[in-house]
Protein backbone atom coordinates (compact mmCIF):
# COMPACT_ATOMS: atom_id res chain seq x y z
CA MET A 1 100.70 122.69 68.89
CA ARG A 2 101.66 125.35 71.42
CA TYR A 3 103.78 124.65 74.49
CA HIS A 4 104.55 126.87 77.45
CA PHE A 5 108.12 126.57 78.77
CA ALA A 6 109.86 127.83 81.88
CA VAL A 7 113.65 128.08 81.97
CA CYS A 8 114.88 128.53 85.53
CA ASP A 9 118.60 129.26 85.93
CA ASP A 10 120.47 131.82 88.01
CA HIS A 11 123.13 132.09 85.29
CA HIS A 12 121.46 134.50 82.88
CA ALA A 13 123.66 133.65 79.89
CA ASP A 14 122.94 129.91 80.30
CA ALA A 15 119.21 130.62 80.58
CA LEU A 16 119.20 132.69 77.40
CA THR A 17 121.13 129.96 75.55
CA VAL A 18 118.55 127.36 76.54
CA LYS A 19 115.70 129.72 75.61
CA ALA A 20 117.18 130.23 72.14
CA LEU A 21 117.59 126.48 71.66
CA VAL A 22 113.99 125.83 72.68
CA GLU A 23 112.78 128.41 70.18
CA SER A 24 114.96 126.84 67.46
CA TRP A 25 113.51 123.41 68.26
CA ALA A 26 109.97 124.78 67.98
CA VAL A 27 110.66 126.34 64.58
CA ARG A 28 112.33 123.19 63.27
CA TYR A 29 109.51 120.85 64.28
CA GLY A 30 106.56 123.12 63.65
CA TYR A 31 105.55 123.93 67.22
CA GLN A 32 104.69 127.23 68.85
CA ALA A 33 106.67 127.95 71.99
CA ARG A 34 106.28 130.55 74.69
CA VAL A 35 109.45 130.57 76.79
CA ASP A 36 109.63 132.41 80.12
CA VAL A 37 112.99 132.80 81.85
CA PHE A 38 113.38 132.99 85.64
CA PRO A 39 116.53 133.76 87.67
CA SER A 40 115.49 131.69 90.69
CA ALA A 41 113.08 129.06 91.96
CA GLU A 42 111.34 131.72 94.03
CA ALA A 43 110.75 133.91 90.98
CA PHE A 44 109.19 131.01 89.11
CA LEU A 45 106.93 130.00 92.00
CA PHE A 46 105.69 133.58 92.30
CA ARG A 47 104.57 133.46 88.65
CA TYR A 48 103.31 129.88 88.92
CA ALA A 49 100.95 130.88 91.73
CA GLU A 50 99.06 132.95 89.12
CA ASP A 51 99.72 130.97 85.95
CA LYS A 52 99.78 127.17 85.97
CA SER A 53 99.76 126.73 82.21
CA TYR A 54 103.38 125.54 81.96
CA ASP A 55 103.98 122.34 80.00
CA ILE A 56 107.76 121.87 80.23
CA LEU A 57 110.16 123.05 82.93
CA LEU A 58 113.89 123.28 82.24
CA LEU A 59 115.46 123.63 85.67
CA ASP A 60 119.02 124.27 86.73
CA ILE A 61 119.71 122.17 89.81
CA GLU A 62 122.20 124.32 91.67
CA MET A 63 120.84 127.84 92.15
CA THR A 64 121.10 130.53 94.76
CA GLY A 65 118.21 130.02 97.18
CA ALA A 66 115.99 127.01 96.53
CA ASP A 67 117.52 124.47 94.14
CA GLY A 68 115.90 122.84 91.14
CA ILE A 69 115.12 119.59 92.96
CA SER A 70 113.25 121.44 95.72
CA LEU A 71 111.36 123.44 93.10
CA ALA A 72 110.35 120.28 91.27
CA LYS A 73 109.12 118.66 94.49
CA THR A 74 106.95 121.70 95.18
CA ILE A 75 105.41 121.56 91.70
CA ARG A 76 104.81 117.81 91.87
CA VAL A 77 102.59 118.19 94.93
CA GLU A 78 99.78 119.42 92.68
CA ASN A 79 100.96 118.78 89.13
CA ASP A 80 102.12 115.41 87.84
CA ALA A 81 101.58 116.20 84.17
CA VAL A 82 104.20 118.90 83.60
CA GLN A 83 107.42 117.60 82.02
CA ILE A 84 110.54 118.34 84.06
CA VAL A 85 114.05 118.40 82.60
CA PHE A 86 117.03 119.12 84.83
CA ILE A 87 120.05 120.98 83.54
CA THR A 88 123.21 120.71 85.62
CA GLY A 89 126.97 120.81 85.54
CA TYR A 90 127.14 117.70 87.73
CA SER A 91 125.84 114.14 87.56
CA ASP A 92 125.56 113.68 91.33
CA TYR A 93 121.85 114.49 91.51
CA ILE A 94 120.41 111.93 89.13
CA ALA A 95 119.03 109.64 91.85
CA GLU A 96 117.02 112.50 93.35
CA GLY A 97 115.26 113.04 90.06
CA TYR A 98 113.36 109.79 90.44
CA GLU A 99 111.38 111.36 93.28
CA VAL A 100 109.91 113.96 90.95
CA ALA A 101 109.60 111.83 87.79
CA ALA A 102 112.12 113.91 85.87
CA LEU A 103 112.05 113.20 82.15
CA HIS A 104 115.80 113.65 81.66
CA TYR A 105 119.03 115.24 82.84
CA LEU A 106 121.14 117.39 80.56
CA LEU A 107 124.71 118.29 81.41
CA LYS A 108 126.06 121.76 80.76
CA PRO A 109 127.00 123.00 78.26
CA VAL A 110 123.70 121.95 76.70
CA SER A 111 123.95 120.33 73.30
CA ASP A 112 121.31 121.32 70.76
CA VAL A 113 121.09 117.72 69.53
CA LYS A 114 120.51 116.34 73.03
CA LEU A 115 118.06 119.09 73.98
CA PHE A 116 116.07 118.63 70.76
CA GLU A 117 115.79 114.89 71.45
CA VAL A 118 114.57 115.51 75.00
CA LEU A 119 112.06 118.18 73.95
CA THR A 120 110.67 115.87 71.28
CA ARG A 121 110.21 113.18 73.96
CA ALA A 122 108.53 115.71 76.25
CA ALA A 123 106.14 116.73 73.48
CA ALA A 124 105.29 113.07 72.86
CA CYS A 125 104.59 112.56 76.56
CA LEU A 126 102.34 115.60 76.64
CA LYS A 127 100.38 114.35 73.65
CA LYS A 128 99.75 111.11 75.52
CA GLU A 129 98.64 112.98 78.61
CA GLU A 130 94.96 113.29 79.14
CA ARG A 131 93.05 116.21 77.92
CA VAL A 132 92.66 119.29 80.08
CA LEU A 133 90.04 121.93 80.74
CA PHE A 134 91.08 125.52 80.17
CA LEU A 135 89.57 127.56 82.99
CA LYS A 136 89.52 131.26 83.73
CA ILE A 137 88.35 132.15 87.22
CA GLY A 138 88.81 135.47 88.99
CA GLY A 139 91.25 136.74 86.41
CA GLU A 140 93.42 133.61 86.68
CA SER A 141 93.84 131.28 83.69
CA PHE A 142 94.98 127.70 84.15
CA ARG A 143 94.54 124.16 82.91
CA LEU A 144 92.92 121.39 84.91
CA PRO A 145 93.66 117.80 83.78
CA LEU A 146 90.47 115.81 83.27
CA ARG A 147 91.80 112.89 85.31
CA GLU A 148 91.95 115.13 88.41
CA ILE A 149 88.23 115.97 88.24
CA HIS A 150 85.91 113.97 90.51
CA TYR A 151 82.59 115.45 89.37
CA PHE A 152 80.74 118.53 88.17
CA GLU A 153 77.76 119.99 90.01
CA VAL A 154 75.41 122.67 88.72
CA GLN A 155 73.51 125.06 90.97
CA GLY A 156 71.52 127.73 89.20
CA ASN A 157 73.74 129.46 86.67
CA TYR A 158 76.98 128.18 88.19
CA VAL A 159 78.95 124.95 87.90
CA THR A 160 81.32 123.73 90.61
CA ILE A 161 84.15 121.45 89.53
CA HIS A 162 85.10 119.13 92.37
CA ALA A 163 88.74 118.03 92.28
CA ALA A 164 91.53 118.36 94.85
CA LYS A 165 90.14 121.89 95.10
CA GLU A 166 86.74 123.25 94.11
CA TYR A 167 86.35 125.67 91.21
CA THR A 168 83.08 127.53 90.65
CA LEU A 169 82.30 129.48 87.50
CA LYS A 170 79.32 130.70 85.55
CA SER A 171 78.44 128.01 83.02
CA THR A 172 76.12 125.11 82.23
CA LEU A 173 76.71 121.38 82.50
CA SER A 174 76.14 121.07 78.76
CA GLY A 175 78.95 123.53 78.17
CA PHE A 176 81.36 121.09 79.82
CA GLU A 177 79.73 117.91 78.57
CA ASN A 178 80.69 118.80 75.01
CA VAL A 179 84.42 118.84 75.80
CA LEU A 180 84.66 115.83 78.11
CA ASP A 181 85.60 112.31 77.06
CA GLU A 182 84.17 108.84 77.65
CA ARG A 183 85.29 108.59 81.27
CA PHE A 184 82.59 111.08 82.29
CA PHE A 185 78.92 110.24 82.73
CA ARG A 186 76.03 112.65 83.18
CA ILE A 187 73.74 111.87 86.11
CA GLY A 188 70.46 113.67 85.74
CA ARG A 189 70.27 117.43 85.43
CA SER A 190 72.76 118.37 88.09
CA PHE A 191 75.86 116.17 87.92
CA ILE A 192 78.56 114.80 85.65
CA VAL A 193 80.78 112.23 87.36
CA ASN A 194 84.19 110.82 86.53
CA LEU A 195 83.59 107.06 86.41
CA ALA A 196 87.08 106.40 87.79
CA TYR A 197 86.12 108.02 91.11
CA ILE A 198 83.02 105.90 91.77
CA ARG A 199 83.34 103.51 94.70
CA ARG A 200 79.83 102.07 94.79
CA VAL A 201 76.46 102.49 93.11
CA THR A 202 73.17 101.86 94.92
CA ARG A 203 69.64 102.37 93.69
CA LYS A 204 69.54 105.78 95.34
CA GLN A 205 73.06 107.21 95.25
CA VAL A 206 76.58 107.08 93.88
CA ASP A 207 79.34 106.82 96.49
CA LEU A 208 82.67 108.35 95.51
CA LEU A 209 86.20 107.47 96.61
CA SER A 210 86.42 110.85 98.33
CA GLY A 211 83.60 109.88 100.70
CA GLU A 212 81.12 112.20 98.97
CA TRP A 213 77.94 110.93 97.35
CA ILE A 214 75.69 111.96 94.48
CA PRO A 215 71.92 111.26 94.35
CA LEU A 216 71.00 108.82 91.58
CA PRO A 217 67.78 109.53 89.68
CA ARG A 218 65.30 106.71 89.21
CA GLY A 219 65.96 104.58 86.16
CA MET A 220 69.71 105.31 85.93
CA TYR A 221 71.07 102.45 88.03
CA ASP A 222 71.48 99.95 85.19
CA VAL A 223 72.65 102.55 82.69
CA LEU A 224 75.37 103.84 85.02
CA ASN A 225 76.57 100.35 85.91
CA ARG A 226 76.82 99.51 82.23
CA ALA A 227 78.88 102.64 81.62
CA ILE A 228 81.22 101.69 84.47
CA MET A 229 81.69 98.19 83.07
CA GLU A 230 82.42 99.53 79.58
CA SER A 231 84.95 102.02 80.96
CA VAL A 232 87.13 99.24 82.40
CA LEU A 233 87.02 96.86 79.45
């Protein structure tokens, strides 16, 4: 299993220590780890705007410029799957971590035993997280959690993925259908819908929680309703 880490700390020596410990943890437990080090929250956000593939963030709380808590809040606006671990010399900030669903706090100097325990927990949480789609659009590579996808729509040679944002790429519905799980249902030739986002089904259309609707081909009403029932059992 490969994990992408970000270590964000304005004390370069501390950041390098954490990076080395992460790499040691990966070797010990048979993981592959890519570890990027950033001297500030701003530096990380600049990279994150282009690369959202990070799995685990190890954030110093007190930094010059934006602090680790503010950085975590920014990330949580669009990403609730990434595991966040705060590293700090103080214990005063623990209550604020609840707002961003921090996995753990580690006090400096970081102990290898404690860090290894936390990283193992983070890896376990990531394994339990839902599967993701790996997308490459316009030179940008990123991962989109399946639970964030409302539906897929094909038009000609292009598929649009409707989520909080829309992503359009050259593909076929079948190309996605093969990597989706049981929460997705194909509706005719043009749509695949996430069953969790369906609000109502009529004989002619499927109404989604977003207020959008999808036309329902003849003969699919009973089949779709059965799939919805099975998905909640």
